[in-house]
Amino acid sequence: MSLIPATILTGFLGSGKTTLLKRVLSEAHGQKIAVIENEFGDENIDNEILVQDSKEQIIQLNNGCVCCSIREDLRTTLADLAEKKRKGELDFDRVVIETTGLADPGPVAQTFFMDDEIAESYLLDSILTLVDAKHGDQQLDDRQEARRQVGFADQIFISKTDLVDDETVEALIHRVRHMNPRAKQTKVHFGEVPISDVFDLKGFNLNAKLEIDPEFLKADEHDHDDPHHDHEHGEHGEHGDHPHHHAHDDDVKSFVFRADKPLDAGKLEDFLGAIVQVYGPKLLRYKGVLNMKGSDRKVIFQGVHQLMGSDLGPKWAPGEKKTSKMVFIGIDLPKEILEQGLKQCLV
């Protein structure tokens, strides 16, 4: 049986997770989706589209999807669903786990890597995070859970953009980009999202691409050494997009490291191993595509908290510039330590 793709849907209270989920469930994409809800709150999907039977933990939706609430452990629920699918008792193509608004998606993601039984049945596809344009700024200021959800994301949806002006939306997008330059950001209106932005994003694939928002890299260079950038900002500078991010010093930050010299495999392994041991709980997501001394192939690594995996990627193409790129997203990241340590791993 092929692996069942799983998507984690997260976002702060009231950000529109349920609206998005209803939309996805009712869209005619021909896929049967099992939804795992962390809790049945007031604003859950069952009111409209569930065939409700409160005694049963797994509920058949009238559109062919299934839904279950977690009264016990996520691991048990996932194992139970996979078992029922194997026996032919339930028919579904993929799983969506909707976390509570206050949940940290980290342990949910780790379940897919730490447990052999789960890893043999499921493939974690991506973490989707909704950010509410109206209340997002305040929530990011006040609640670390909201900042962590942004840090973990592979794809970020900015909801409720119709309730605020464009400047507010742009400032929020800019702020979120500094926390997580890896994740694509999309504005959504009442949960209307193309299904291609929701499923099969392959956020946890060890692929040879490392997407970092180009705007973020531009801003990054601007902070250091780009002499041309200033007058360009002048036209829209006073209330343009740049002054905003100094107002928020978020504890969830990203750090991007790039190097043209090759890395020493032994040194890098020791350094990353030590970093993950010490800072693992504060490291949300990290990923790199690396140029290793003595290897003609790209090396790809990524991790969540203390769990790190790596793989050999494709060969460097003839004439391709062999640049190592890494991005670390975490809470109060020790940028200086990371930068110094990584530089010492260069050949």
C-alpha atoms as a PDB file:
ATOM      1  CA  MET A   1       0.000   0.000   0.000  1.00  0.00           C
ATOM      2  CA  SER A   2       1.436   3.367  -0.901  1.00  0.00           C
ATOM      3  CA  LEU A   3       2.011   5.880   1.852  1.00  0.00           C
ATOM      4  CA  ILE A   4      -0.927   8.058   2.867  1.00  0.00           C
ATOM      5  CA  PRO A   5      -0.103  11.774   2.500  1.00  0.00           C
ATOM      6  CA  ALA A   6      -0.772  13.836   5.624  1.00  0.00           C
ATOM      7  CA  THR A   7      -1.204  17.599   5.960  1.00  0.00           C
ATOM      8  CA  ILE A   8      -1.097  19.545   9.234  1.00  0.00           C
ATOM      9  CA  LEU A   9      -3.379  22.576   9.285  1.00  0.00           C
ATOM     10  CA  THR A  10      -2.606  25.114  11.951  1.00  0.00           C
ATOM     11  CA  GLY A  11      -3.316  28.745  12.713  1.00  0.00           C
ATOM     12  CA  PHE A  12      -4.366  30.878  15.611  1.00  0.00           C
ATOM     13  CA  LEU A  13      -7.912  30.925  16.990  1.00  0.00           C
ATOM     14  CA  GLY A  14     -10.318  32.494  14.532  1.00  0.00           C
ATOM     15  CA  SER A  15      -7.844  32.564  11.647  1.00  0.00           C
ATOM     16  CA  GLY A  16     -10.203  30.607   9.404  1.00  0.00           C
ATOM     17  CA  LYS A  17      -8.928  27.017   9.580  1.00  0.00           C
ATOM     18  CA  THR A  18     -12.435  25.625   9.679  1.00  0.00           C
ATOM     19  CA  THR A  19     -13.581  27.754   6.746  1.00  0.00           C
ATOM     20  CA  LEU A  20     -10.606  26.578   4.712  1.00  0.00           C
ATOM     21  CA  LEU A  21     -11.218  22.978   5.686  1.00  0.00           C
ATOM     22  CA  LYS A  22     -14.908  23.107   4.752  1.00  0.00           C
ATOM     23  CA  ARG A  23     -13.945  24.572   1.443  1.00  0.00           C
ATOM     24  CA  VAL A  24     -11.372  21.846   0.770  1.00  0.00           C
ATOM     25  CA  LEU A  25     -13.779  19.093   1.810  1.00  0.00           C
ATOM     26  CA  SER A  26     -16.596  20.342  -0.367  1.00  0.00           C
ATOM     27  CA  GLU A  27     -14.495  21.021  -3.461  1.00  0.00           C
ATOM     28  CA  ALA A  28     -14.910  18.545  -6.276  1.00  0.00           C
ATOM     29  CA  HIS A  29     -11.367  17.237  -6.448  1.00  0.00           C
ATOM     30  CA  GLY A  30     -12.446  13.626  -6.268  1.00  0.00           C
ATOM     31  CA  GLN A  31     -10.246  12.886  -3.253  1.00  0.00           C
ATOM     32  CA  LYS A  32     -11.499  11.275  -0.099  1.00  0.00           C
ATOM     33  CA  ILE A  33     -10.030  13.017   2.896  1.00  0.00           C
ATOM     34  CA  ALA A  34      -9.854  11.841   6.488  1.00  0.00           C
ATOM     35  CA  VAL A  35      -9.877  14.784   8.877  1.00  0.00           C
ATOM     36  CA  ILE A  36      -8.459  14.466  12.362  1.00  0.00           C
ATOM     37  CA  GLU A  37      -9.582  17.261  14.634  1.00  0.00           C
ATOM     38  CA  ASN A  38      -7.743  17.925  17.834  1.00  0.00           C
ATOM     39  CA  GLU A  39     -10.977  18.822  19.526  1.00  0.00           C
ATOM     40  CA  PHE A  40     -14.548  19.398  18.581  1.00  0.00           C
ATOM     41  CA  GLY A  41     -15.061  23.021  19.526  1.00  0.00           C
ATOM     42  CA  ASP A  42     -18.015  25.251  18.767  1.00  0.00           C
ATOM     43  CA  GLU A  43     -16.683  26.281  15.426  1.00  0.00           C
ATOM     44  CA  ASN A  44     -15.998  22.859  14.028  1.00  0.00           C
ATOM     45  CA  ILE A  45     -16.850  21.419  10.686  1.00  0.00           C
ATOM     46  CA  ASP A  46     -19.428  18.970  11.954  1.00  0.00           C
ATOM     47  CA  ASN A  47     -22.348  21.388  12.158  1.00  0.00           C
ATOM     48  CA  GLU A  48     -22.796  21.604   8.441  1.00  0.00           C
ATOM     49  CA  ILE A  49     -21.245  18.674   6.691  1.00  0.00           C
ATOM     50  CA  LEU A  50     -20.847  15.892   9.170  1.00  0.00           C
ATOM     51  CA  VAL A  51     -23.238  13.072   9.642  1.00  0.00           C
ATOM     52  CA  GLN A  52     -23.046  13.204  13.389  1.00  0.00           C
ATOM     53  CA  ASP A  53     -22.895  10.231  15.687  1.00  0.00           C
ATOM     54  CA  SER A  54     -21.278  11.312  18.904  1.00  0.00           C
ATOM     55  CA  LYS A  55     -20.591   7.799  20.186  1.00  0.00           C
ATOM     56  CA  GLU A  56     -18.379   6.945  17.255  1.00  0.00           C
ATOM     57  CA  GLN A  57     -14.961   8.485  17.203  1.00  0.00           C
ATOM     58  CA  ILE A  58     -14.778   8.280  13.439  1.00  0.00           C
ATOM     59  CA  ILE A  59     -17.555  10.004  11.577  1.00  0.00           C
ATOM     60  CA  GLN A  60     -18.399   9.540   7.933  1.00  0.00           C
ATOM     61  CA  LEU A  61     -18.971  12.846   6.186  1.00  0.00           C
ATOM     62  CA  ASN A  62     -21.762  12.920   3.672  1.00  0.00           C
ATOM     63  CA  ASN A  63     -19.313  13.805   0.910  1.00  0.00           C
ATOM     64  CA  GLY A  64     -17.307  10.620   1.301  1.00  0.00           C
ATOM     65  CA  CYS A  65     -14.718  12.057   3.677  1.00  0.00           C
ATOM     66  CA  VAL A  66     -14.233  10.803   7.203  1.00  0.00           C
ATOM     67  CA  CYS A  67     -13.671  12.822  10.317  1.00  0.00           C
ATOM     68  CA  CYS A  68     -12.474  11.921  13.766  1.00  0.00           C
ATOM     69  CA  SER A  69     -11.733  13.804  16.928  1.00  0.00           C
ATOM     70  CA  ILE A  70      -8.716  12.948  18.993  1.00  0.00           C
ATOM     71  CA  ARG A  71      -9.879  11.828  22.373  1.00  0.00           C
ATOM     72  CA  GLU A  72      -6.643   9.981  22.881  1.00  0.00           C
ATOM     73  CA  ASP A  73      -3.302  10.190  21.265  1.00  0.00           C
ATOM     74  CA  LEU A  74      -2.640  11.296  17.702  1.00  0.00           C
ATOM     75  CA  ARG A  75      -0.414   8.287  17.163  1.00  0.00           C
ATOM     76  CA  THR A  76      -3.184   5.859  18.134  1.00  0.00           C
ATOM     77  CA  THR A  77      -5.697   7.642  15.936  1.00  0.00           C
ATOM     78  CA  LEU A  78      -3.373   7.577  12.916  1.00  0.00           C
ATOM     79  CA  ALA A  79      -2.547   3.909  13.443  1.00  0.00           C
ATOM     80  CA  ASP A  80      -6.251   3.127  13.797  1.00  0.00           C
ATOM     81  CA  LEU A  81      -7.134   4.934  10.568  1.00  0.00           C
ATOM     82  CA  ALA A  82      -4.338   3.230   8.618  1.00  0.00           C
ATOM     83  CA  GLU A  83      -5.457  -0.148   9.947  1.00  0.00           C
ATOM     84  CA  LYS A  84      -9.078   0.466   8.912  1.00  0.00           C
ATOM     85  CA  LYS A  85      -7.915   1.546   5.477  1.00  0.00           C
ATOM     86  CA  ARG A  86      -5.821  -1.603   5.080  1.00  0.00           C
ATOM     87  CA  LYS A  87      -8.789  -3.773   6.040  1.00  0.00           C
ATOM     88  CA  GLY A  88     -11.020  -1.928   3.618  1.00  0.00           C
ATOM     89  CA  GLU A  89     -13.308  -0.646   6.384  1.00  0.00           C
ATOM     90  CA  LEU A  90     -12.587   2.986   5.534  1.00  0.00           C
ATOM     91  CA  ASP A  91     -11.778   4.484   2.201  1.00  0.00           C
ATOM     92  CA  PHE A  92      -9.705   7.667   2.092  1.00  0.00           C
ATOM     93  CA  ASP A  93      -6.795   9.042   0.086  1.00  0.00           C
ATOM     94  CA  ARG A  94      -5.179  11.461   2.507  1.00  0.00           C
ATOM     95  CA  VAL A  95      -5.309  12.823   6.027  1.00  0.00           C
ATOM     96  CA  VAL A  96      -5.642  16.405   7.233  1.00  0.00           C
ATOM     97  CA  ILE A  97      -4.906  17.072  10.904  1.00  0.00           C
ATOM     98  CA  GLU A  98      -6.486  20.264  12.157  1.00  0.00           C
ATOM     99  CA  THR A  99      -4.696  21.374  15.307  1.00  0.00           C
ATOM    100  CA  THR A 100      -6.245  23.541  17.979  1.00  0.00           C
ATOM    101  CA  GLY A 101      -5.547  27.243  17.688  1.00  0.00           C
ATOM    102  CA  LEU A 102      -3.084  27.109  20.562  1.00  0.00           C
ATOM    103  CA  ALA A 103      -1.208  24.032  19.422  1.00  0.00           C
ATOM    104  CA  ASP A 104       2.457  23.828  18.584  1.00  0.00           C
ATOM    105  CA  PRO A 105       2.672  21.847  15.315  1.00  0.00           C
ATOM    106  CA  GLY A 106       6.151  20.544  16.207  1.00  0.00           C
ATOM    107  CA  PRO A 107       5.191  17.448  18.194  1.00  0.00           C
ATOM    108  CA  VAL A 108       2.462  16.685  15.631  1.00  0.00           C
ATOM    109  CA  ALA A 109       5.065  16.736  12.852  1.00  0.00           C
ATOM    110  CA  GLN A 110       7.506  14.683  14.899  1.00  0.00           C
ATOM    111  CA  THR A 111       4.946  11.896  15.298  1.00  0.00           C
ATOM    112  CA  PHE A 112       5.463  11.083  11.615  1.00  0.00           C
ATOM    113  CA  PHE A 113       9.195  10.577  12.028  1.00  0.00           C
ATOM    114  CA  MET A 114       9.587   9.136  15.498  1.00  0.00           C
ATOM    115  CA  ASP A 115       7.174   6.273  15.288  1.00  0.00           C
ATOM    116  CA  ASP A 116       8.046   3.444  12.905  1.00  0.00           C
ATOM    117  CA  GLU A 117       4.483   2.231  12.529  1.00  0.00           C
ATOM    118  CA  ILE A 118       3.302   5.716  11.538  1.00  0.00           C
ATOM    119  CA  ALA A 119       6.303   6.303   9.267  1.00  0.00           C
ATOM    120  CA  GLU A 120       5.510   3.063   7.429  1.00  0.00           C
ATOM    121  CA  SER A 121       1.925   4.159   6.724  1.00  0.00           C
ATOM    122  CA  TYR A 122       2.121   7.924   6.233  1.00  0.00           C
ATOM    123  CA  LEU A 123       4.117  10.559   4.435  1.00  0.00           C
ATOM    124  CA  LEU A 124       4.023  14.003   6.019  1.00  0.00           C
ATOM    125  CA  ASP A 125       3.379  16.372   3.132  1.00  0.00           C
ATOM    126  CA  SER A 126       3.347  19.838   4.674  1.00  0.00           C
ATOM    127  CA  ILE A 127       2.375  22.184   7.472  1.00  0.00           C
ATOM    128  CA  LEU A 128      -0.103  24.891   6.457  1.00  0.00           C
ATOM    129  CA  THR A 129      -0.546  27.937   8.677  1.00  0.00           C
ATOM    130  CA  LEU A 130      -3.310  30.518   8.539  1.00  0.00           C
ATOM    131  CA  VAL A 131      -2.625  34.046   9.749  1.00  0.00           C
ATOM    132  CA  ASP A 132      -5.531  36.428  10.271  1.00  0.00           C
ATOM    133  CA  ALA A 133      -4.787  39.805   8.652  1.00  0.00           C
ATOM    134  CA  LYS A 134      -6.990  41.688  11.100  1.00  0.00           C
ATOM    135  CA  HIS A 135      -5.668  40.226  14.357  1.00  0.00           C
ATOM    136  CA  GLY A 136      -2.424  38.647  13.169  1.00  0.00           C
ATOM    137  CA  ASP A 137      -0.111  41.424  14.282  1.00  0.00           C
ATOM    138  CA  GLN A 138      -1.534  41.460  17.785  1.00  0.00           C
ATOM    139  CA  GLN A 139      -1.489  37.664  18.036  1.00  0.00           C
ATOM    140  CA  LEU A 140       2.115  37.529  16.857  1.00  0.00           C
ATOM    141  CA  ASP A 141       2.979  40.186  19.456  1.00  0.00           C
ATOM    142  CA  ASP A 142       1.208  38.431  22.309  1.00  0.00           C
ATOM    143  CA  ARG A 143       1.420  34.713  21.677  1.00  0.00           C
ATOM    144  CA  GLN A 144       4.455  32.614  21.075  1.00  0.00           C
ATOM    145  CA  GLU A 145       2.227  29.791  19.791  1.00  0.00           C
ATOM    146  CA  ALA A 146       1.194  32.023  16.882  1.00  0.00           C
ATOM    147  CA  ARG A 147       4.844  32.824  16.098  1.00  0.00           C
ATOM    148  CA  ARG A 148       5.821  29.170  16.271  1.00  0.00           C
ATOM    149  CA  GLN A 149       3.015  28.243  13.877  1.00  0.00           C
ATOM    150  CA  VAL A 150       4.460  30.708  11.355  1.00  0.00           C
ATOM    151  CA  GLY A 151       7.965  29.327  11.879  1.00  0.00           C
ATOM    152  CA  PHE A 152       6.889  25.751  11.170  1.00  0.00           C
ATOM    153  CA  ALA A 153       4.931  26.486   8.006  1.00  0.00           C
ATOM    154  CA  ASP A 154       5.640  25.314   4.470  1.00  0.00           C
ATOM    155  CA  GLN A 155       2.755  27.416   3.154  1.00  0.00           C
ATOM    156  CA  ILE A 156       1.156  30.441   4.846  1.00  0.00           C
ATOM    157  CA  PHE A 157      -2.327  31.685   4.058  1.00  0.00           C
ATOM    158  CA  ILE A 158      -3.161  35.273   5.027  1.00  0.00           C
ATOM    159  CA  SER A 159      -6.905  35.330   5.720  1.00  0.00           C
ATOM    160  CA  LYS A 160      -9.408  38.151   6.249  1.00  0.00           C
ATOM    161  CA  THR A 161      -7.454  40.592   4.084  1.00  0.00           C
ATOM    162  CA  ASP A 162     -10.755  42.247   3.132  1.00  0.00           C
ATOM    163  CA  LEU A 163     -11.104  43.556   6.702  1.00  0.00           C
ATOM    164  CA  VAL A 164      -7.964  45.712   6.678  1.00  0.00           C
ATOM    165  CA  ASP A 165      -6.214  48.115   4.318  1.00  0.00           C
ATOM    166  CA  ASP A 166      -3.478  47.065   1.902  1.00  0.00           C
ATOM    167  CA  GLU A 167      -0.740  48.686   3.923  1.00  0.00           C
ATOM    168  CA  THR A 168      -1.608  46.577   6.977  1.00  0.00           C
ATOM    169  CA  VAL A 169      -1.590  43.412   4.868  1.00  0.00           C
ATOM    170  CA  GLU A 170       1.769  44.259   3.292  1.00  0.00           C
ATOM    171  CA  ALA A 171       3.319  45.035   6.672  1.00  0.00           C
ATOM    172  CA  LEU A 172       2.083  41.677   8.013  1.00  0.00           C
ATOM    173  CA  ILE A 173       3.423  39.803   4.974  1.00  0.00           C
ATOM    174  CA  HIS A 174       6.765  41.538   5.439  1.00  0.00           C
ATOM    175  CA  ARG A 175       6.895  40.648   9.123  1.00  0.00           C
ATOM    176  CA  VAL A 176       5.995  37.013   8.497  1.00  0.00           C
ATOM    177  CA  ARG A 177       8.601  36.762   5.758  1.00  0.00           C
ATOM    178  CA  HIS A 178      11.325  37.711   8.222  1.00  0.00           C
ATOM    179  CA  MET A 179      10.164  34.970  10.541  1.00  0.00           C
ATOM    180  CA  ASN A 180       9.927  32.359   7.805  1.00  0.00           C
ATOM    181  CA  PRO A 181      11.396  33.105   4.363  1.00  0.00           C
ATOM    182  CA  ARG A 182      10.934  29.465   3.315  1.00  0.00           C
ATOM    183  CA  ALA A 183       7.166  29.508   3.224  1.00  0.00           C
ATOM    184  CA  LYS A 184       5.159  30.764   0.293  1.00  0.00           C
ATOM    185  CA  GLN A 185       2.516  33.294   1.357  1.00  0.00           C
ATOM    186  CA  THR A 186      -0.907  33.454  -0.291  1.00  0.00           C
ATOM    187  CA  LYS A 187      -3.840  35.734   0.508  1.00  0.00           C
ATOM    188  CA  VAL A 188      -7.084  33.799   0.862  1.00  0.00           C
ATOM    189  CA  HIS A 189     -10.646  35.003   0.740  1.00  0.00           C
ATOM    190  CA  PHE A 190     -13.144  32.939   2.769  1.00  0.00           C
ATOM    191  CA  GLY A 191     -11.035  29.835   2.432  1.00  0.00           C
ATOM    192  CA  GLU A 192     -11.110  29.879  -1.364  1.00  0.00           C
ATOM    193  CA  VAL A 193      -7.777  28.312  -2.122  1.00  0.00           C
ATOM    194  CA  PRO A 194      -6.775  26.315  -5.191  1.00  0.00           C
ATOM    195  CA  ILE A 195      -6.265  22.737  -4.094  1.00  0.00           C
ATOM    196  CA  SER A 196      -2.751  22.863  -5.593  1.00  0.00           C
ATOM    197  CA  ASP A 197      -1.792  25.292  -2.785  1.00  0.00           C
ATOM    198  CA  VAL A 198      -3.036  22.868  -0.144  1.00  0.00           C
ATOM    199  CA  PHE A 199      -2.002  19.345  -1.099  1.00  0.00           C
ATOM    200  CA  ASP A 200       1.142  17.692  -2.472  1.00  0.00           C
ATOM    201  CA  LEU A 201       3.389  20.595  -1.523  1.00  0.00           C
ATOM    202  CA  LYS A 202       6.164  18.170  -0.521  1.00  0.00           C
ATOM    203  CA  GLY A 203       7.364  20.414   2.277  1.00  0.00           C
ATOM    204  CA  PHE A 204       9.179  17.547   3.966  1.00  0.00           C
ATOM    205  CA  ASN A 205      10.618  16.051   0.816  1.00  0.00           C
ATOM    206  CA  LEU A 206      14.351  15.978   0.793  1.00  0.00           C
ATOM    207  CA  ASN A 207      14.486  17.617  -2.604  1.00  0.00           C
ATOM    208  CA  ALA A 208      17.344  19.496  -4.163  1.00  0.00           C
ATOM    209  CA  LYS A 209      15.502  22.802  -4.137  1.00  0.00           C
ATOM    210  CA  LEU A 210      15.646  25.233  -1.287  1.00  0.00           C
ATOM    211  CA  GLU A 211      13.151  27.984  -1.854  1.00  0.00           C
ATOM    212  CA  ILE A 212      13.835  31.115   0.144  1.00  0.00           C
ATOM    213  CA  ASP A 213      11.574  34.044  -0.542  1.00  0.00           C
ATOM    214  CA  PRO A 214      13.591  36.227  -2.957  1.00  0.00           C
ATOM    215  CA  GLU A 215      12.203  39.387  -1.348  1.00  0.00           C
ATOM    216  CA  PHE A 216      13.708  38.263   1.929  1.00  0.00           C
ATOM    217  CA  LEU A 217      17.131  37.780   0.392  1.00  0.00           C
ATOM    218  CA  LYS A 218      16.882  41.199  -1.242  1.00  0.00           C
ATOM    219  CA  ALA A 219      16.054  42.783   2.104  1.00  0.00           C
ATOM    220  CA  ASP A 220      18.870  40.811   3.656  1.00  0.00           C
ATOM    221  CA  GLU A 221      21.409  42.097   1.162  1.00  0.00           C
ATOM    222  CA  HIS A 222      20.013  45.587   1.559  1.00  0.00           C
ATOM    223  CA  ASP A 223      20.850  45.471   5.242  1.00  0.00           C
ATOM    224  CA  HIS A 224      24.490  44.841   4.460  1.00  0.00           C
ATOM    225  CA  ASP A 225      26.030  45.777   1.237  1.00  0.00           C
ATOM    226  CA  ASP A 226      23.709  46.881  -1.516  1.00  0.00           C
ATOM    227  CA  PRO A 227      24.571  50.493  -2.361  1.00  0.00           C
ATOM    228  CA  HIS A 228      21.831  50.790  -4.994  1.00  0.00           C
ATOM    229  CA  HIS A 229      19.000  50.012  -2.697  1.00  0.00           C
ATOM    230  CA  ASP A 230      18.601  53.281  -0.843  1.00  0.00           C
ATOM    231  CA  HIS A 231      17.387  55.667  -3.483  1.00  0.00           C
ATOM    232  CA  GLU A 232      15.069  52.982  -4.772  1.00  0.00           C
ATOM    233  CA  HIS A 233      13.373  52.920  -1.394  1.00  0.00           C
ATOM    234  CA  GLY A 234      13.139  56.699  -1.343  1.00  0.00           C
ATOM    235  CA  GLU A 235      10.091  56.754  -3.573  1.00  0.00           C
ATOM    236  CA  HIS A 236       7.964  54.714  -1.246  1.00  0.00           C
ATOM    237  CA  GLY A 237      10.334  54.590   1.655  1.00  0.00           C
ATOM    238  CA  GLU A 238       8.663  56.549   4.403  1.00  0.00           C
ATOM    239  CA  HIS A 239       5.655  54.302   4.644  1.00  0.00           C
ATOM    240  CA  GLY A 240       6.892  51.617   2.254  1.00  0.00           C
ATOM    241  CA  ASP A 241       7.609  48.087   3.271  1.00  0.00           C
ATOM    242  CA  HIS A 242      10.989  48.407   4.861  1.00  0.00           C
ATOM    243  CA  PRO A 243      10.668  50.465   8.052  1.00  0.00           C
ATOM    244  CA  HIS A 244       8.037  48.121   9.454  1.00  0.00           C
ATOM    245  CA  HIS A 245      10.101  45.153  10.405  1.00  0.00           C
ATOM    246  CA  HIS A 246      12.190  47.125  12.850  1.00  0.00           C
ATOM    247  CA  ALA A 247       9.091  47.696  14.954  1.00  0.00           C
ATOM    248  CA  HIS A 248       8.730  44.006  15.754  1.00  0.00           C
ATOM    249  CA  ASP A 249      11.563  42.103  17.254  1.00  0.00           C
ATOM    250  CA  ASP A 250       9.990  38.675  17.065  1.00  0.00           C
ATOM    251  CA  ASP A 251      11.618  35.806  18.897  1.00  0.00           C
ATOM    252  CA  VAL A 252      10.907  33.535  15.924  1.00  0.00           C
ATOM    253  CA  LYS A 253      13.493  34.478  13.345  1.00  0.00           C
ATOM    254  CA  SER A 254      15.212  32.996  10.377  1.00  0.00           C
ATOM    255  CA  PHE A 255      18.866  32.841   9.562  1.00  0.00           C
ATOM    256  CA  VAL A 256      20.121  32.162   6.043  1.00  0.00           C
ATOM    257  CA  PHE A 257      23.676  30.980   5.442  1.00  0.00           C
ATOM    258  CA  ARG A 258      25.259  30.847   2.002  1.00  0.00           C
ATOM    259  CA  ALA A 259      28.785  29.814   1.080  1.00  0.00           C
ATOM    260  CA  ASP A 260      30.657  29.154  -2.137  1.00  0.00           C
ATOM    261  CA  LYS A 261      33.471  27.186  -0.522  1.00  0.00           C
ATOM    262  CA  PRO A 262      32.793  23.474   0.008  1.00  0.00           C
ATOM    263  CA  LEU A 263      31.956  22.145   3.468  1.00  0.00           C
ATOM    264  CA  ASP A 264      33.886  19.504   5.381  1.00  0.00           C
ATOM    265  CA  ALA A 265      31.441  16.655   6.039  1.00  0.00           C
ATOM    266  CA  GLY A 266      32.889  15.553   9.378  1.00  0.00           C
ATOM    267  CA  LYS A 267      33.087  19.046  10.824  1.00  0.00           C
ATOM    268  CA  LEU A 268      29.582  19.929   9.649  1.00  0.00           C
ATOM    269  CA  GLU A 269      28.105  16.747  11.090  1.00  0.00           C
ATOM    270  CA  ASP A 270      29.716  17.429  14.463  1.00  0.00           C
ATOM    271  CA  PHE A 271      28.628  21.055  14.484  1.00  0.00           C
ATOM    272  CA  LEU A 272      25.016  20.429  13.430  1.00  0.00           C
ATOM    273  CA  GLY A 273      24.802  17.530  15.873  1.00  0.00           C
ATOM    274  CA  ALA A 274      25.891  19.807  18.711  1.00  0.00           C
ATOM    275  CA  ILE A 275      23.544  22.639  17.647  1.00  0.00           C
ATOM    276  CA  VAL A 276      20.572  20.286  17.483  1.00  0.00           C
ATOM    277  CA  GLN A 277      21.399  18.848  20.918  1.00  0.00           C
ATOM    278  CA  VAL A 278      21.603  22.275  22.527  1.00  0.00           C
ATOM    279  CA  TYR A 279      19.039  24.296  20.583  1.00  0.00           C
ATOM    280  CA  GLY A 280      16.766  21.506  19.298  1.00  0.00           C
ATOM    281  CA  PRO A 281      13.639  22.565  21.193  1.00  0.00           C
ATOM    282  CA  LYS A 282      14.053  26.099  19.858  1.00  0.00           C
ATOM    283  CA  LEU A 283      14.791  25.054  16.280  1.00  0.00           C
ATOM    284  CA  LEU A 284      11.487  24.855  14.444  1.00  0.00           C
ATOM    285  CA  ARG A 285      12.464  24.025  10.866  1.00  0.00           C
ATOM    286  CA  TYR A 286      15.794  23.967   9.098  1.00  0.00           C
ATOM    287  CA  LYS A 287      16.912  22.860   5.694  1.00  0.00           C
ATOM    288  CA  GLY A 288      19.974  23.016   3.484  1.00  0.00           C
ATOM    289  CA  VAL A 289      21.287  22.090   0.056  1.00  0.00           C
ATOM    290  CA  LEU A 290      25.020  21.664   0.480  1.00  0.00           C
ATOM    291  CA  ASN A 291      28.214  21.494  -1.487  1.00  0.00           C
ATOM    292  CA  MET A 292      30.396  18.934   0.264  1.00  0.00           C
ATOM    293  CA  LYS A 293      34.108  18.505  -0.291  1.00  0.00           C
ATOM    294  CA  GLY A 294      34.834  15.408  -2.338  1.00  0.00           C
ATOM    295  CA  SER A 295      31.227  14.825  -3.441  1.00  0.00           C
ATOM    296  CA  ASP A 296      29.914  15.524  -6.928  1.00  0.00           C
ATOM    297  CA  ARG A 297      26.370  15.358  -5.603  1.00  0.00           C
ATOM    298  CA  LYS A 298      24.297  17.816  -3.629  1.00  0.00           C
ATOM    299  CA  VAL A 299      23.685  16.878  -0.026  1.00  0.00           C
ATOM    300  CA  ILE A 300      20.263  17.767   1.333  1.00  0.00           C
ATOM    301  CA  PHE A 301      19.368  17.927   4.980  1.00  0.00           C
ATOM    302  CA  GLN A 302      16.366  19.109   6.937  1.00  0.00           C
ATOM    303  CA  GLY A 303      14.924  18.854  10.381  1.00  0.00           C
ATOM    304  CA  VAL A 304      12.215  19.610  12.896  1.00  0.00           C
ATOM    305  CA  HIS A 305      13.365  20.297  16.471  1.00  0.00           C
ATOM    306  CA  GLN A 306      15.945  17.616  17.346  1.00  0.00           C
ATOM    307  CA  LEU A 307      15.122  15.346  14.431  1.00  0.00           C
ATOM    308  CA  MET A 308      17.415  15.749  11.465  1.00  0.00           C
ATOM    309  CA  GLY A 309      17.715  13.734   8.272  1.00  0.00           C
ATOM    310  CA  SER A 310      19.989  13.993   5.256  1.00  0.00           C
ATOM    311  CA  ASP A 311      20.251  12.459   1.830  1.00  0.00           C
ATOM    312  CA  LEU A 312      22.364  12.559  -1.308  1.00  0.00           C
ATOM    313  CA  GLY A 313      20.692  14.611  -3.989  1.00  0.00           C
ATOM    314  CA  PRO A 314      21.356  14.813  -7.721  1.00  0.00           C
ATOM    315  CA  LYS A 315      24.764  15.612  -9.177  1.00  0.00           C
ATOM    316  CA  TRP A 316      25.765  19.236  -9.597  1.00  0.00           C
ATOM    317  CA  ALA A 317      25.058  20.093 -13.208  1.00  0.00           C
ATOM    318  CA  PRO A 318      28.024  21.000 -15.431  1.00  0.00           C
ATOM    319  CA  GLY A 319      28.637  24.719 -15.036  1.00  0.00           C
ATOM    320  CA  GLU A 320      26.236  25.018 -12.078  1.00  0.00           C
ATOM    321  CA  LYS A 321      27.557  27.241  -9.310  1.00  0.00           C
ATOM    322  CA  LYS A 322      28.246  25.040  -6.291  1.00  0.00           C
ATOM    323  CA  THR A 323      26.771  27.137  -3.517  1.00  0.00           C
ATOM    324  CA  SER A 324      25.666  25.805  -0.147  1.00  0.00           C
ATOM    325  CA  LYS A 325      22.438  27.346   1.113  1.00  0.00           C
ATOM    326  CA  MET A 326      20.895  26.779   4.527  1.00  0.00           C
ATOM    327  CA  VAL A 327      17.962  28.291   6.329  1.00  0.00           C
ATOM    328  CA  PHE A 328      17.283  27.911  10.045  1.00  0.00           C
ATOM    329  CA  ILE A 329      13.994  29.035  11.581  1.00  0.00           C
ATOM    330  CA  GLY A 330      13.748  29.085  15.346  1.00  0.00           C
ATOM    331  CA  ILE A 331      13.174  30.908  18.602  1.00  0.00           C
ATOM    332  CA  ASP A 332      15.913  33.307  19.651  1.00  0.00           C
ATOM    333  CA  LEU A 333      18.335  31.677  17.256  1.00  0.00           C
ATOM    334  CA  PRO A 334      21.988  32.221  18.157  1.00  0.00           C
ATOM    335  CA  LYS A 335      22.874  33.727  14.760  1.00  0.00           C
ATOM    336  CA  GLU A 336      26.480  34.499  15.713  1.00  0.00           C
ATOM    337  CA  ILE A 337      27.120  30.962  16.956  1.00  0.00           C
ATOM    338  CA  LEU A 338      25.523  29.471  13.844  1.00  0.00           C
ATOM    339  CA  GLU A 339      27.439  31.720  11.516  1.00  0.00           C
ATOM    340  CA  GLN A 340      30.801  31.218  13.210  1.00  0.00           C
ATOM    341  CA  GLY A 341      30.323  27.484  13.505  1.00  0.00           C
ATOM    342  CA  LEU A 342      29.266  27.049   9.894  1.00  0.00           C
ATOM    343  CA  LYS A 343      32.168  29.148   8.662  1.00  0.00           C
ATOM    344  CA  GLN A 344      34.525  26.888  10.579  1.00  0.00           C
ATOM    345  CA  CYS A 345      33.099  23.903   8.701  1.00  0.00           C
ATOM    346  CA  LEU A 346      34.168  25.364   5.351  1.00  0.00           C
ATOM    347  CA  VAL A 347      37.166  23.750   3.712  1.00  0.00           C
END
